[in-house]
Protein backbone atom coordinates (compact mmCIF):
# COMPACT_ATOMS: atom_id res chain seq x y z
CA GLN A 1 142.83 21.49 85.40
CA VAL A 2 139.83 23.72 84.91
CA GLN A 3 137.91 25.56 87.60
CA LEU A 4 134.30 26.68 87.15
CA VAL A 5 132.39 29.22 89.22
CA GLU A 6 128.68 29.85 88.71
CA SER A 7 126.75 32.95 89.70
CA GLY A 8 123.42 34.61 89.05
CA GLY A 9 120.99 32.29 90.79
CA ASP A 10 118.13 33.98 92.59
CA TYR A 11 114.52 33.83 93.69
CA VAL A 12 112.15 34.95 90.93
CA GLN A 13 108.44 34.82 90.19
CA ALA A 14 107.01 32.68 87.41
CA GLY A 15 107.37 34.37 84.05
CA GLY A 16 110.50 36.17 85.16
CA THR A 17 114.02 36.07 83.78
CA LEU A 18 117.49 35.29 85.10
CA ARG A 19 120.94 35.11 83.58
CA LEU A 20 123.41 32.64 84.99
CA SER A 21 127.15 33.02 84.46
CA CYS A 22 129.91 30.44 84.57
CA ALA A 23 133.47 31.75 84.76
CA ALA A 24 136.17 29.28 83.75
CA SER A 25 139.81 29.49 84.79
CA GLY A 26 142.90 27.36 84.54
CA ALA A 27 143.52 25.35 81.37
CA THR A 28 140.56 26.86 79.54
CA TYR A 29 142.24 26.36 76.16
CA ARG A 30 141.59 22.63 76.59
CA ILE A 31 137.82 22.94 76.98
CA LYS A 32 135.86 21.45 74.09
CA ARG A 33 132.29 21.60 75.35
CA MET A 34 130.49 23.39 78.16
CA GLY A 35 127.07 22.70 79.53
CA TRP A 36 124.47 23.69 82.06
CA PHE A 37 122.77 21.08 84.20
CA ARG A 38 120.22 21.27 86.98
CA GLN A 39 119.16 19.11 89.86
CA ALA A 40 115.98 19.46 91.86
CA PRO A 41 115.57 17.82 95.27
CA GLY A 42 114.95 14.10 94.91
CA LYS A 43 115.63 14.13 91.19
CA GLU A 44 118.56 13.18 89.00
CA ARG A 45 120.82 15.78 87.48
CA GLU A 46 119.56 16.68 84.01
CA GLY A 47 121.13 18.48 81.09
CA VAL A 48 119.71 21.86 80.14
CA ALA A 49 121.94 23.28 77.43
CA ALA A 50 125.38 22.81 75.92
CA ILE A 51 127.70 24.76 73.66
CA TYR A 52 130.61 23.82 71.46
CA THR A 53 133.36 26.16 72.57
CA SER A 54 134.87 26.11 69.09
CA GLY A 55 132.30 26.90 66.45
CA GLY A 56 129.50 27.90 68.82
CA GLY A 57 127.12 25.05 68.09
CA LYS A 58 124.41 24.64 70.70
CA PHE A 59 122.02 22.02 72.00
CA TYR A 60 119.02 22.35 74.30
CA ALA A 61 116.86 20.03 76.30
CA GLY A 62 113.30 19.97 75.04
CA SER A 63 111.95 21.32 78.32
CA VAL A 64 113.82 24.61 77.92
CA LYS A 65 114.04 25.03 74.15
CA GLY A 66 112.71 28.41 73.13
CA ARG A 67 112.99 29.78 76.68
CA PHE A 68 116.67 29.39 77.55
CA THR A 69 119.69 30.54 75.56
CA ILE A 70 123.28 29.47 76.11
CA SER A 71 126.07 31.76 74.94
CA GLN A 72 129.76 32.34 75.49
CA ASP A 73 132.21 35.19 75.75
CA ASN A 74 135.58 33.71 74.86
CA ALA A 75 137.45 36.85 75.87
CA LYS A 76 136.09 36.47 79.40
CA ASN A 77 136.15 32.65 79.45
CA THR A 78 132.53 32.83 80.53
CA VAL A 79 129.42 30.94 79.50
CA TYR A 80 125.95 32.30 80.13
CA LEU A 81 122.49 30.84 80.44
CA GLN A 82 119.74 33.33 79.73
CA MET A 83 116.52 32.00 81.19
CA ASN A 84 113.22 33.57 80.14
CA SER A 85 109.61 32.70 80.92
CA LEU A 86 110.68 30.83 84.02
CA LYS A 87 108.35 28.24 85.49
CA PRO A 88 108.16 26.76 88.99
CA GLU A 89 109.42 23.47 87.55
CA ASP A 90 112.67 25.23 86.61
CA THR A 91 113.48 25.45 90.32
CA ALA A 92 116.75 23.61 90.91
CA LEU A 93 120.42 23.91 91.70
CA TYR A 94 122.08 24.81 88.41
CA TYR A 95 125.56 23.53 87.63
CA CYS A 96 128.07 24.51 84.99
CA ALA A 97 130.17 21.74 83.48
CA ALA A 98 133.07 21.46 81.05
CA THR A 99 134.92 18.72 79.26
CA ASP A 100 138.38 18.55 77.73
CA GLY A 101 138.03 14.93 76.76
CA GLU A 102 136.27 13.10 73.98
CA ILE A 103 134.19 15.28 71.70
CA TRP A 104 130.46 14.60 71.78
CA PHE A 105 127.62 16.15 69.83
CA GLY A 106 123.94 16.82 70.26
CA SER A 107 121.96 14.95 72.88
CA HIS A 108 125.09 13.18 74.15
CA LEU A 109 125.97 16.51 75.76
CA MET A 110 122.93 16.23 78.03
CA SER A 111 124.58 13.35 79.89
CA PRO A 112 126.54 14.35 83.02
CA GLU A 113 129.12 11.61 82.43
CA ARG A 114 130.37 13.45 79.32
CA TYR A 115 131.88 16.15 81.54
CA ASN A 116 134.88 16.02 83.82
CA TYR A 117 134.78 19.49 85.44
CA TRP A 118 131.95 20.87 87.54
CA GLY A 119 131.16 24.03 89.43
CA GLN A 120 129.56 24.20 92.86
CA GLY A 121 126.15 25.25 91.61
CA THR A 122 123.87 28.26 91.93
CA GLN A 123 120.30 28.06 93.23
CA VAL A 124 117.36 29.12 91.08
CA THR A 125 113.97 29.27 92.76
CA VAL A 126 110.84 30.15 90.78
CA SER A 127 107.68 30.90 92.73
CA SER A 128 104.19 30.38 91.33
């Protein structure tokens, strides 16, 4: 089993920055991919960014490419999401996810069903 805890969500003005953290514990050695997702009220959960825990490959949704950066600190079992140039449409509950199952690549990692572990979420609110 893997446990995920997100932190770093906040209220910020448009154009601002935030860094989200996701601390993993438990059987972290089994994790193959980690991702960040978000869900706004009344909308479906959407993938934001993903990272290959071995090798460091990354994938981003088009809506955040060039603004958000996913990274990992293996020594701390932590994945980060650096969010720059935030927009009001980035407002959502942000979730961290991990999978120890089948290995997927690229855009497949933007699908929630590829992941079997989820955190509780951290709220990001961007004001205009």
